[in-house]
Amino acid sequence: MTSASIIASELIIGLEVHIELASATKVFSAAGNPAQFGTTESAPNTLIDAVVLALPGSLPVMTRESIESSMLVGRAMGCQVGGTTSWDRKSYMYPDLPKGYQISQYDRPVCGKGSMEVFPEDALGVVDLESPRGIRIQRAHLEEDAGKLLHEAPGGHALDGSIVDYNRAGTPLLEIVTEPDFRTADEVVGFARQLRLLVRHLGVSACIMQEGQIRFEPNINMRLTLDDGRVIETPIVEVKNLNSFRSVRGAIDYEAATQPKRWVCDQQEHARGTKTTRGWDPDKNCTTVQRSKEDAHDYRYFPEPDLPPVHIDAAWVARVEERLVESPMVRMRRWVTEYGLDSRGTLALLDEPDACAYFDAVVEASQAMGAHNAGSQAGRLLLQSGARLANERSVRLDELGATPERVAELVKLRADGAVSAQSADRIFELLCEEHEVDAASIAQREGLLLVRDDAAIDAWIEQVMHENPAIVEQIMGGKVQAVGRLVGGVMKLSGGSADAAEVKRRMLERMQP
């Protein structure tokens, strides 16, 4: 056994992503699709038919919607789409796979090579918009999902063993495979979240993570530089079925810390037959061995005899491309660069395509009304007051009840300095309840309009400064933060009708040497 020591290490990560498409039916049958938008949880084994159960004489029939949804995602990732795509049988035995094989794609997938720009995302959810990286897409192929093993009965009742629910079997599943281009967990998490956002904005899947509608499987190994000059790679570990960004990061961080130690113990290097499949234990924060990973020949792929190849011509691709939308990350960069919004704060808004459209409509209406810095003003209002209220009421931002035009009126009031930030919060809430009343009328009725009488404001400032000479001396001595106490005094005298920001500006001007 070598005594060489590790002097440097580099992560090498590829990613497989499985996305359940929200078509009306399953991919090869007319049975209902549990991943369809609006579908509620169904009782076990109710979304099935003869094709799903592989009963004798039943034959699969390809659904056009699933192919077009796959094409749409592929084109959004810059993948090659077109030509002839065909189906193959991928054979393996598992209790939730009724046929004993899966209809998948081997050498002629719907979507070929492509590339997607990724923006790293750190553990705090901050997106680095200044350091994008291109991640190569190897392929995106369409297949059918397997069923699901239940280890307790519906309602949480105990079972002596396990039962199989075939509702998910046959659900259209788009598997996206990247090249091993990732070098950090931040890049993988950024790609995973941004791909999910993209798919949601395209409207082809809800990607509800806790329901397994999008699942991530990182393939992780490391390039180790040894002190004897050799550079070796550790065996690849594939971590299966991760359905949260936290678990993706946790699995990568664990393997990054553990693989060099494994190599020191077993000296095993990457080679054919050394790849293993592991699961993630969120309670112990570690991966656990499940099995050795099969190679392609182990699945005994052969052409599916019951499904003809599908030819995708340029005209069909062009029709699908008409459904492409603005990329969520392009939208984020626009909001950040043009409106000065925070990337972390916009992630929650980006998660809901309808809320994004609502926000853009508010900005457009505010600009039409001549609001200064409309995007910035609307962003602060909706990401603070709007997000708080939507969270309290468990609805989307666009479902609160205030039309974009009514909110734009409030944005204009705020931009003109006619109402304070605190008052804007209250007015926004009332706009959501009183649909026929405009923002100015609410502000007038509630006594929330700010005093714009310069003489009155100056008089209040003079009075407060005269009554607090010690604080004035502290501020003039450099303790500027003490000005908040004086501003509070002015706001009290004005009954809350003065603009706090304007009061602070005027006070500091007076106290400049």
Protein backbone atom coordinates (compact mmCIF):
# COMPACT_ATOMS: atom_id res chain seq x y z
CA MET A 1 0.00 0.00 0.00
CA THR A 2 1.36 3.41 -0.98
CA SER A 3 2.45 5.88 1.66
CA ALA A 4 1.78 8.90 -0.59
CA SER A 5 -0.10 11.78 0.99
CA ILE A 6 -2.81 13.99 -0.48
CA ILE A 7 -1.66 17.56 -1.07
CA ALA A 8 -4.65 18.89 -3.07
CA SER A 9 -8.16 17.81 -4.00
CA GLU A 10 -10.81 18.88 -6.50
CA LEU A 11 -14.49 17.94 -6.64
CA ILE A 12 -15.89 16.49 -9.86
CA ILE A 13 -19.68 16.39 -9.95
CA GLY A 14 -22.22 15.46 -12.59
CA LEU A 15 -25.95 15.64 -11.96
CA GLU A 16 -28.97 13.60 -12.99
CA VAL A 17 -32.36 15.26 -12.53
CA HIS A 18 -35.69 13.44 -12.79
CA ILE A 19 -38.73 15.64 -13.48
CA GLU A 20 -42.32 14.35 -13.49
CA LEU A 21 -44.16 16.11 -16.31
CA ALA A 22 -47.67 17.41 -15.65
CA SER A 23 -49.40 15.96 -18.70
CA ALA A 24 -53.09 15.07 -18.52
CA THR A 25 -52.37 11.34 -18.77
CA LYS A 26 -49.48 9.01 -18.25
CA VAL A 27 -46.79 8.75 -20.85
CA PHE A 28 -47.92 5.50 -22.48
CA SER A 29 -51.53 5.12 -21.29
CA ALA A 30 -54.77 7.03 -20.74
CA ALA A 31 -54.63 6.63 -16.94
CA GLY A 32 -54.65 9.84 -14.88
CA ASN A 33 -51.32 11.44 -14.07
CA PRO A 34 -50.69 12.16 -10.36
CA ALA A 35 -48.21 14.90 -11.34
CA GLN A 36 -50.85 16.87 -13.25
CA PHE A 37 -51.43 20.43 -12.05
CA GLY A 38 -54.30 20.58 -9.59
CA THR A 39 -54.42 16.84 -9.01
CA THR A 40 -55.11 16.08 -5.37
CA GLU A 41 -53.64 13.09 -3.59
CA SER A 42 -55.45 9.98 -4.81
CA ALA A 43 -56.07 6.75 -2.96
CA PRO A 44 -53.43 4.09 -3.71
CA ASN A 45 -53.83 2.15 -6.95
CA THR A 46 -56.64 4.28 -8.40
CA LEU A 47 -54.68 5.95 -11.23
CA ILE A 48 -54.02 2.71 -13.08
CA ASP A 49 -55.17 0.77 -16.10
CA ALA A 50 -54.24 -2.38 -18.03
CA VAL A 51 -51.19 -0.72 -19.61
CA VAL A 52 -49.83 0.50 -16.28
CA LEU A 53 -50.25 -2.98 -14.78
CA ALA A 54 -48.79 -4.65 -17.90
CA LEU A 55 -51.76 -6.99 -18.24
CA PRO A 56 -51.61 -9.47 -21.14
CA GLY A 57 -52.65 -7.94 -24.45
CA SER A 58 -52.23 -4.31 -23.34
CA LEU A 59 -50.05 -2.09 -25.52
CA PRO A 60 -48.44 1.30 -24.83
CA VAL A 61 -49.41 4.38 -26.87
CA MET A 62 -47.14 7.43 -26.89
CA THR A 63 -48.70 10.75 -25.76
CA ARG A 64 -47.82 13.86 -27.78
CA GLU A 65 -48.00 16.18 -24.76
CA SER A 66 -45.15 14.41 -22.99
CA ILE A 67 -42.88 14.63 -26.03
CA GLU A 68 -43.61 18.33 -26.53
CA SER A 69 -43.02 19.13 -22.86
CA SER A 70 -39.65 17.36 -23.10
CA MET A 71 -38.80 19.28 -26.26
CA LEU A 72 -39.72 22.58 -24.58
CA VAL A 73 -37.42 21.97 -21.60
CA GLY A 74 -34.67 20.81 -23.93
CA ARG A 75 -34.83 23.92 -26.10
CA ALA A 76 -34.85 26.14 -22.98
CA MET A 77 -31.55 24.46 -22.02
CA GLY A 78 -30.12 24.93 -25.49
CA CYS A 79 -30.31 21.23 -26.32
CA GLN A 80 -30.34 19.82 -29.82
CA VAL A 81 -33.87 18.69 -30.61
CA GLY A 82 -34.94 17.09 -33.85
CA GLY A 83 -34.49 14.02 -35.97
CA THR A 84 -35.67 10.60 -34.88
CA THR A 85 -36.20 9.55 -31.27
CA SER A 86 -36.97 5.99 -30.22
CA TRP A 87 -37.78 3.86 -27.18
CA ASP A 88 -35.93 1.06 -25.42
CA ARG A 89 -36.63 -1.44 -22.69
CA LYS A 90 -34.45 -1.04 -19.61
CA SER A 91 -34.71 -4.31 -17.71
CA TYR A 92 -34.50 -4.62 -13.95
CA MET A 93 -36.64 -6.24 -11.30
CA TYR A 94 -38.18 -4.20 -8.51
CA PRO A 95 -41.52 -4.55 -6.68
CA ASP A 96 -42.91 -1.22 -7.92
CA LEU A 97 -42.09 -1.91 -11.60
CA PRO A 98 -45.06 -3.94 -12.92
CA LYS A 99 -43.56 -4.99 -16.26
CA GLY A 100 -40.15 -5.98 -14.94
CA TYR A 101 -38.67 -3.38 -17.28
CA GLN A 102 -38.94 0.37 -17.80
CA ILE A 103 -39.68 1.99 -21.16
CA SER A 104 -36.89 4.52 -21.52
CA GLN A 105 -34.51 5.90 -24.16
CA TYR A 106 -30.96 4.74 -24.73
CA ASP A 107 -29.13 6.01 -27.81
CA ARG A 108 -31.76 8.28 -29.42
CA PRO A 109 -33.20 10.62 -26.73
CA VAL A 110 -35.68 13.43 -27.36
CA CYS A 111 -33.06 16.04 -26.45
CA GLY A 112 -29.36 15.81 -27.22
CA LYS A 113 -26.41 17.92 -26.19
CA GLY A 114 -26.89 21.42 -24.82
CA SER A 115 -25.56 23.92 -22.31
CA MET A 116 -27.11 25.87 -19.46
CA GLU A 117 -25.67 28.85 -17.61
CA VAL A 118 -25.62 28.38 -13.84
CA PHE A 119 -25.21 30.97 -11.11
CA PRO A 120 -23.74 29.56 -7.87
CA GLU A 121 -25.91 29.80 -4.76
CA ASP A 122 -24.34 29.73 -1.30
CA ALA A 123 -25.74 28.13 1.86
CA LEU A 124 -27.56 31.38 2.76
CA GLY A 125 -29.42 31.47 -0.55
CA VAL A 126 -27.37 34.32 -2.04
CA VAL A 127 -27.02 33.94 -5.81
CA ASP A 128 -23.71 35.02 -7.37
CA LEU A 129 -24.84 36.79 -10.56
CA GLU A 130 -21.26 37.88 -11.33
CA SER A 131 -19.76 34.40 -11.76
CA PRO A 132 -21.91 32.32 -14.12
CA ARG A 133 -20.62 29.03 -15.49
CA GLY A 134 -21.72 27.04 -18.49
CA ILE A 135 -22.75 23.49 -17.61
CA ARG A 136 -22.90 21.06 -20.51
CA ILE A 137 -26.04 18.99 -20.87
CA GLN A 138 -25.31 15.48 -22.11
CA ARG A 139 -28.91 14.52 -22.86
CA ALA A 140 -32.51 14.74 -21.70
CA HIS A 141 -34.54 11.61 -22.34
CA LEU A 142 -38.16 10.71 -21.71
CA GLU A 143 -39.16 7.59 -19.79
CA GLU A 144 -41.83 6.28 -17.44
CA ASP A 145 -41.61 6.54 -13.67
CA ALA A 146 -41.89 3.53 -11.39
CA GLY A 147 -44.49 3.06 -8.66
CA LYS A 148 -43.90 3.59 -4.97
CA LEU A 149 -43.47 1.27 -2.00
CA LEU A 150 -45.55 2.19 1.06
CA HIS A 151 -44.28 1.06 4.42
CA GLU A 152 -47.38 2.20 6.27
CA ALA A 153 -51.04 2.18 5.24
CA PRO A 154 -52.83 5.41 4.18
CA GLY A 155 -53.61 7.40 7.29
CA GLY A 156 -50.39 6.30 8.95
CA HIS A 157 -51.58 2.88 10.06
CA ALA A 158 -48.97 0.19 10.70
CA LEU A 159 -48.37 -2.67 8.27
CA ASP A 160 -46.80 -6.07 8.80
CA GLY A 161 -44.84 -5.57 5.57
CA SER A 162 -44.89 -3.15 2.63
CA ILE A 163 -47.47 -2.54 -0.07
CA VAL A 164 -47.07 -1.19 -3.60
CA ASP A 165 -48.90 1.87 -4.92
CA TYR A 166 -48.85 1.91 -8.74
CA ASN A 167 -50.38 5.39 -9.07
CA ARG A 168 -47.01 6.89 -9.99
CA ALA A 169 -46.08 4.05 -12.37
CA GLY A 170 -46.14 5.29 -15.96
CA THR A 171 -45.92 8.99 -15.05
CA PRO A 172 -43.92 10.80 -17.77
CA LEU A 173 -40.42 11.34 -16.41
CA LEU A 174 -37.84 13.60 -18.06
CA GLU A 175 -34.30 12.65 -17.02
CA ILE A 176 -31.72 15.38 -17.56
CA VAL A 177 -28.07 14.31 -17.43
CA THR A 178 -25.23 16.83 -17.20
CA GLU A 179 -21.56 16.36 -17.91
CA PRO A 180 -19.32 16.29 -14.79
CA ASP A 181 -18.70 20.05 -15.01
CA PHE A 182 -19.56 21.11 -11.44
CA ARG A 183 -16.72 21.88 -9.05
CA THR A 184 -18.57 23.13 -5.97
CA ALA A 185 -21.75 22.41 -4.04
CA ASP A 186 -22.77 26.04 -4.64
CA GLU A 187 -22.79 25.41 -8.40
CA VAL A 188 -24.84 22.23 -8.08
CA VAL A 189 -27.43 23.83 -5.78
CA GLY A 190 -27.59 26.87 -8.07
CA PHE A 191 -28.20 24.65 -11.11
CA ALA A 192 -30.77 22.52 -9.26
CA ARG A 193 -32.82 25.51 -8.10
CA GLN A 194 -32.54 27.38 -11.40
CA LEU A 195 -33.56 24.32 -13.42
CA ARG A 196 -36.59 23.86 -11.15
CA LEU A 197 -37.53 27.53 -11.63
CA LEU A 198 -37.14 27.20 -15.39
CA VAL A 199 -39.39 24.14 -15.58
CA ARG A 200 -42.05 25.80 -13.42
CA HIS A 201 -42.01 28.93 -15.60
CA LEU A 202 -42.37 26.79 -18.73
CA GLY A 203 -45.50 25.32 -17.14
CA VAL A 204 -44.66 21.65 -17.73
CA SER A 205 -44.31 20.55 -14.09
CA ALA A 206 -45.12 21.89 -10.65
CA CYS A 207 -41.82 20.38 -9.41
CA ILE A 208 -43.22 19.92 -5.88
CA MET A 209 -40.14 18.58 -4.17
CA GLN A 210 -41.77 16.92 -1.16
CA GLU A 211 -43.92 14.87 -3.54
CA GLY A 212 -40.92 13.70 -5.54
CA GLN A 213 -41.90 15.60 -8.70
CA ILE A 214 -38.28 16.66 -9.10
CA ARG A 215 -35.43 14.52 -7.77
CA PHE A 216 -31.69 15.10 -7.88
CA GLU A 217 -28.92 12.51 -8.07
CA PRO A 218 -25.39 13.94 -7.93
CA ASN A 219 -22.53 11.76 -9.14
CA ILE A 220 -19.57 12.72 -6.99
CA ASN A 221 -15.89 11.87 -7.04
CA MET A 222 -12.62 13.69 -6.46
CA ARG A 223 -9.37 14.34 -8.26
CA LEU A 224 -6.56 13.96 -5.71
CA THR A 225 -3.04 15.27 -6.19
CA LEU A 226 -0.46 13.23 -4.24
CA ASP A 227 2.90 14.30 -2.93
CA ASP A 228 4.65 11.75 -5.19
CA GLY A 229 3.40 13.63 -8.27
CA ARG A 230 0.51 11.33 -9.16
CA VAL A 231 -3.03 12.57 -9.85
CA ILE A 232 -5.74 9.99 -9.21
CA GLU A 233 -9.55 9.99 -9.13
CA THR A 234 -11.68 8.35 -6.47
CA PRO A 235 -14.58 6.01 -7.38
CA ILE A 236 -17.83 7.75 -8.32
CA VAL A 237 -20.62 7.82 -5.75
CA GLU A 238 -24.18 8.39 -6.98
CA VAL A 239 -26.47 9.68 -4.23
CA LYS A 240 -30.05 8.73 -5.08
CA ASN A 241 -33.40 10.52 -4.93
CA LEU A 242 -32.60 13.79 -3.15
CA ASN A 243 -35.65 16.05 -3.00
CA SER A 244 -34.35 19.16 -1.27
CA PHE A 245 -31.55 21.62 -1.91
CA ARG A 246 -30.36 21.12 1.66
CA SER A 247 -29.90 17.39 1.10
CA VAL A 248 -28.09 18.00 -2.21
CA ARG A 249 -25.62 20.29 -0.46
CA GLY A 250 -25.32 17.98 2.53
CA ALA A 251 -24.56 14.91 0.40
CA ILE A 252 -21.90 16.74 -1.63
CA ASP A 253 -20.25 18.25 1.45
CA TYR A 254 -20.19 14.85 3.15
CA GLU A 255 -18.64 13.08 0.16
CA ALA A 256 -16.10 15.90 -0.31
CA ALA A 257 -14.96 15.43 3.27
CA THR A 258 -15.11 11.61 3.25
CA GLN A 259 -13.80 10.42 -0.13
CA PRO A 260 -10.16 11.39 0.53
CA LYS A 261 -10.33 9.46 3.81
CA ARG A 262 -11.79 6.43 2.01
CA TRP A 263 -8.96 6.50 -0.47
CA VAL A 264 -6.38 6.60 2.31
CA CYS A 265 -7.99 3.46 3.77
CA ASP A 266 -8.68 1.39 0.63
CA GLN A 267 -6.51 3.02 -2.10
CA GLN A 268 -9.35 2.34 -4.57
CA GLU A 269 -9.36 4.45 -7.73
CA HIS A 270 -12.07 5.21 -10.28
CA ALA A 271 -12.47 2.39 -12.77
CA ARG A 272 -15.21 0.36 -14.40
CA GLY A 273 -17.24 -1.48 -11.78
CA THR A 274 -16.20 0.73 -8.85
CA LYS A 275 -19.21 3.08 -8.91
CA THR A 276 -21.58 2.75 -5.94
CA THR A 277 -25.06 3.98 -5.15
CA ARG A 278 -25.62 5.60 -1.78
CA GLY A 279 -28.58 7.12 0.03
CA TRP A 280 -28.70 10.26 2.16
CA ASP A 281 -29.51 10.04 5.85
CA PRO A 282 -30.65 13.56 6.89
CA ASP A 283 -30.71 12.65 10.59
CA LYS A 284 -27.09 11.47 10.66
CA ASN A 285 -25.93 13.85 7.91
CA CYS A 286 -24.15 11.10 6.01
CA THR A 287 -24.50 8.89 2.94
CA THR A 288 -25.02 5.14 3.30
CA VAL A 289 -24.19 2.36 0.84
CA GLN A 290 -27.13 0.87 -1.05
CA ARG A 291 -25.60 -1.19 -3.86
CA SER A 292 -22.96 -1.32 -6.56
CA LYS A 293 -24.04 0.73 -9.55
CA GLU A 294 -24.99 -1.11 -12.72
CA ASP A 295 -23.42 -0.21 -16.05
CA ALA A 296 -25.58 0.22 -19.15
CA HIS A 297 -25.02 -3.37 -20.28
CA ASP A 298 -26.43 -4.64 -16.97
CA TYR A 299 -29.84 -3.22 -17.91
CA ARG A 300 -29.93 -5.28 -21.15
CA TYR A 301 -31.31 -2.41 -23.25
CA PHE A 302 -33.06 -3.42 -26.45
CA PRO A 303 -35.49 -1.56 -28.75
CA GLU A 304 -39.09 -1.37 -27.54
CA PRO A 305 -41.02 -3.44 -30.10
CA ASP A 306 -44.46 -1.97 -29.27
CA LEU A 307 -43.60 1.70 -29.92
CA PRO A 308 -42.51 3.10 -33.29
CA PRO A 309 -39.77 5.74 -33.52
CA VAL A 310 -40.95 9.37 -33.62
CA HIS A 311 -39.58 11.82 -36.19
CA ILE A 312 -39.32 15.40 -34.92
CA ASP A 313 -39.06 17.83 -37.83
CA ALA A 314 -38.02 21.50 -37.80
CA ALA A 315 -41.61 22.75 -38.09
CA TRP A 316 -42.63 20.84 -34.97
CA VAL A 317 -39.64 22.21 -33.05
CA ALA A 318 -40.52 25.74 -34.17
CA ARG A 319 -44.11 25.39 -32.92
CA VAL A 320 -42.86 24.22 -29.53
CA GLU A 321 -40.33 27.07 -29.34
CA GLU A 322 -43.20 29.56 -29.52
CA ARG A 323 -44.01 28.53 -25.94
CA LEU A 324 -40.59 29.55 -24.59
CA VAL A 325 -40.66 32.23 -21.89
CA GLU A 326 -38.15 34.62 -20.36
CA SER A 327 -35.69 32.63 -18.28
CA PRO A 328 -36.16 33.16 -14.52
CA MET A 329 -32.46 34.00 -14.17
CA VAL A 330 -32.66 36.57 -16.98
CA ARG A 331 -35.60 38.01 -15.08
CA MET A 332 -33.61 38.05 -11.83
CA ARG A 333 -30.67 39.83 -13.46
CA ARG A 334 -33.06 42.41 -14.89
CA TRP A 335 -34.61 43.02 -11.48
CA VAL A 336 -31.23 43.23 -9.76
CA THR A 337 -29.43 45.41 -12.32
CA GLU A 338 -32.31 47.68 -13.33
CA TYR A 339 -34.26 47.89 -10.07
CA GLY A 340 -31.51 47.31 -7.50
CA LEU A 341 -33.34 44.39 -5.87
CA ASP A 342 -31.59 41.77 -3.76
CA SER A 343 -31.00 38.39 -5.43
CA ARG A 344 -31.85 36.46 -2.28
CA GLY A 345 -35.11 38.35 -1.80
CA THR A 346 -36.23 37.70 -5.36
CA LEU A 347 -35.83 33.90 -5.20
CA ALA A 348 -39.12 33.41 -3.37
CA LEU A 349 -40.91 35.64 -5.88
CA LEU A 350 -39.35 33.78 -8.82
CA ASP A 351 -40.75 30.51 -7.48
CA GLU A 352 -44.25 31.56 -8.57
CA PRO A 353 -44.54 32.43 -12.28
CA ASP A 354 -47.90 34.19 -11.81
CA ALA A 355 -46.47 36.32 -9.00
CA CYS A 356 -43.55 37.29 -11.28
CA ALA A 357 -45.96 38.42 -13.99
CA TYR A 358 -47.90 40.39 -11.36
CA PHE A 359 -44.75 42.14 -10.17
CA ASP A 360 -43.76 43.12 -13.71
CA ALA A 361 -47.30 44.41 -14.31
CA VAL A 362 -47.05 46.60 -11.18
CA VAL A 363 -43.72 48.03 -12.36
CA GLU A 364 -45.08 48.70 -15.85
CA ALA A 365 -48.17 50.46 -14.47
CA SER A 366 -46.01 52.48 -12.03
CA GLN A 367 -43.73 53.61 -14.86
CA ALA A 368 -46.76 54.63 -16.92
CA MET A 369 -47.87 56.83 -14.00
CA GLY A 370 -44.44 58.49 -13.90
CA ALA A 371 -43.27 57.03 -10.58
CA HIS A 372 -39.59 57.76 -9.95
CA ASN A 373 -37.50 54.56 -9.59
CA ALA A 374 -40.66 52.53 -10.18
CA GLY A 375 -38.93 49.14 -10.18
CA SER A 376 -37.07 49.79 -6.94
CA GLN A 377 -40.11 51.27 -5.21
CA ALA A 378 -42.41 48.46 -6.34
CA GLY A 379 -39.83 45.86 -5.36
CA ARG A 380 -39.48 47.15 -1.81
CA LEU A 381 -43.25 47.34 -1.40
CA LEU A 382 -44.04 43.89 -2.78
CA LEU A 383 -41.05 42.02 -1.36
CA GLN A 384 -41.76 43.41 2.08
CA SER A 385 -45.41 44.35 2.60
CA GLY A 386 -46.70 42.04 -0.13
CA ALA A 387 -44.61 39.02 0.85
CA ARG A 388 -45.53 39.40 4.52
CA LEU A 389 -49.25 39.58 3.78
CA ALA A 390 -49.13 36.70 1.28
CA ASN A 391 -47.34 34.55 3.85
CA GLU A 392 -49.87 35.40 6.55
CA ARG A 393 -52.79 34.52 4.27
CA SER A 394 -51.10 31.49 2.63
CA VAL A 395 -51.72 32.78 -0.90
CA ARG A 396 -49.58 33.97 -3.78
CA LEU A 397 -48.77 37.65 -4.16
CA ASP A 398 -51.07 37.96 -7.17
CA GLU A 399 -53.94 36.39 -5.21
CA LEU A 400 -54.07 39.06 -2.49
CA GLY A 401 -56.77 41.05 -4.30
CA ALA A 402 -55.07 44.34 -5.23
CA THR A 403 -54.84 44.94 -8.98
CA PRO A 404 -51.48 46.03 -10.46
CA GLU A 405 -52.99 49.44 -11.29
CA ARG A 406 -54.11 50.04 -7.67
CA VAL A 407 -50.70 48.99 -6.33
CA ALA A 408 -49.03 51.26 -8.88
CA GLU A 409 -50.98 54.21 -7.46
CA LEU A 410 -49.47 53.40 -4.06
CA VAL A 411 -46.00 53.09 -5.59
CA LYS A 412 -46.43 56.56 -7.08
CA LEU A 413 -47.49 58.00 -3.71
CA ARG A 414 -44.45 56.45 -2.06
CA ALA A 415 -42.10 57.60 -4.82
CA ASP A 416 -43.45 61.15 -4.49
CA GLY A 417 -42.85 61.08 -0.74
CA ALA A 418 -46.57 61.45 -0.04
CA VAL A 419 -46.69 58.48 2.35
CA SER A 420 -44.13 56.82 4.62
CA ALA A 421 -42.93 53.21 4.29
CA GLN A 422 -44.92 52.28 7.39
CA SER A 423 -48.06 53.93 6.01
CA ALA A 424 -47.56 52.23 2.64
CA ASP A 425 -47.65 48.87 4.41
CA ARG A 426 -51.04 49.71 5.93
CA ILE A 427 -52.42 51.16 2.67
CA PHE A 428 -51.35 48.05 0.73
CA GLU A 429 -53.24 45.85 3.17
CA LEU A 430 -56.38 47.97 2.77
CA LEU A 431 -56.04 47.91 -1.03
CA CYS A 432 -56.21 44.13 -0.85
CA GLU A 433 -59.49 44.35 1.03
CA GLU A 434 -61.17 47.39 -0.59
CA HIS A 435 -60.97 46.62 -4.28
CA GLU A 436 -62.83 49.70 -5.55
CA VAL A 437 -60.96 52.33 -3.52
CA ASP A 438 -57.75 53.95 -4.81
CA ALA A 439 -54.58 54.36 -2.75
CA ALA A 440 -54.82 58.16 -2.47
CA SER A 441 -58.37 57.98 -1.09
CA ILE A 442 -57.32 55.41 1.51
CA ALA A 443 -54.32 57.52 2.53
CA GLN A 444 -56.50 60.63 2.87
CA ARG A 445 -59.22 58.80 4.80
CA GLU A 446 -56.77 57.15 7.21
CA GLY A 447 -54.76 60.34 7.78
CA LEU A 448 -51.64 58.75 6.35
CA LEU A 449 -50.56 61.50 3.94
CA LEU A 450 -47.25 63.05 4.92
CA VAL A 451 -46.96 66.73 5.77
CA ARG A 452 -45.12 68.53 2.97
CA ASP A 453 -45.10 71.92 4.76
CA ASP A 454 -41.38 72.76 4.94
CA ALA A 455 -41.98 75.54 7.48
CA ALA A 456 -43.83 73.19 9.82
CA ILE A 457 -41.15 70.51 9.53
CA ASP A 458 -38.38 73.03 10.21
CA ALA A 459 -40.26 74.31 13.25
CA TRP A 460 -40.59 70.83 14.70
CA ILE A 461 -36.90 70.15 14.09
CA GLU A 462 -35.93 73.39 15.82
CA GLN A 463 -38.08 72.54 18.83
CA VAL A 464 -36.71 69.00 19.23
CA MET A 465 -33.09 70.13 18.85
CA HIS A 466 -33.60 72.92 21.37
CA GLU A 467 -35.08 70.46 23.89
CA ASN A 468 -32.26 67.90 23.46
CA PRO A 469 -28.93 69.79 23.43
CA ALA A 470 -26.95 66.81 24.79
CA ILE A 471 -28.04 64.56 21.91
CA VAL A 472 -27.27 67.32 19.41
CA GLU A 473 -23.76 67.59 20.89
CA GLN A 474 -23.27 63.79 20.56
CA ILE A 475 -24.30 63.87 16.91
CA MET A 476 -22.02 66.80 16.12
CA GLY A 477 -19.24 64.87 17.88
CA GLY A 478 -19.61 61.98 15.43
CA LYS A 479 -22.27 59.75 17.03
CA VAL A 480 -24.59 60.08 14.04
CA GLN A 481 -26.76 57.11 14.99
CA ALA A 482 -28.18 59.15 17.86
CA VAL A 483 -30.16 61.19 15.33
CA GLY A 484 -32.87 58.50 15.45
CA ARG A 485 -33.96 59.75 18.86
CA LEU A 486 -34.42 63.27 17.53
CA VAL A 487 -36.30 62.03 14.46
CA GLY A 488 -38.61 60.14 16.80
CA GLY A 489 -39.33 63.40 18.64
CA VAL A 490 -40.28 65.16 15.42
CA MET A 491 -42.52 62.29 14.37
CA LYS A 492 -44.28 62.52 17.73
CA LEU A 493 -44.86 66.26 17.33
CA SER A 494 -46.18 65.74 13.78
CA GLY A 495 -48.51 62.94 14.83
CA GLY A 496 -46.68 60.64 12.44
CA SER A 497 -47.45 62.82 9.43
CA ALA A 498 -43.86 63.89 8.70
CA ASP A 499 -41.53 61.99 6.36
CA ALA A 500 -38.96 60.42 8.67
CA ALA A 501 -36.32 60.19 5.95
CA GLU A 502 -36.75 63.85 5.05
CA VAL A 503 -36.63 64.87 8.73
CA LYS A 504 -33.37 62.96 9.21
CA ARG A 505 -31.82 64.55 6.13
CA ARG A 506 -32.73 68.07 7.24
CA MET A 507 -31.50 67.49 10.78
CA LEU A 508 -28.10 66.23 9.70
CA GLU A 509 -27.75 69.14 7.29
CA ARG A 510 -28.33 71.56 10.18
CA MET A 511 -25.71 69.88 12.32
CA GLN A 512 -22.94 69.81 9.74
CA PRO A 513 -19.89 71.83 10.86
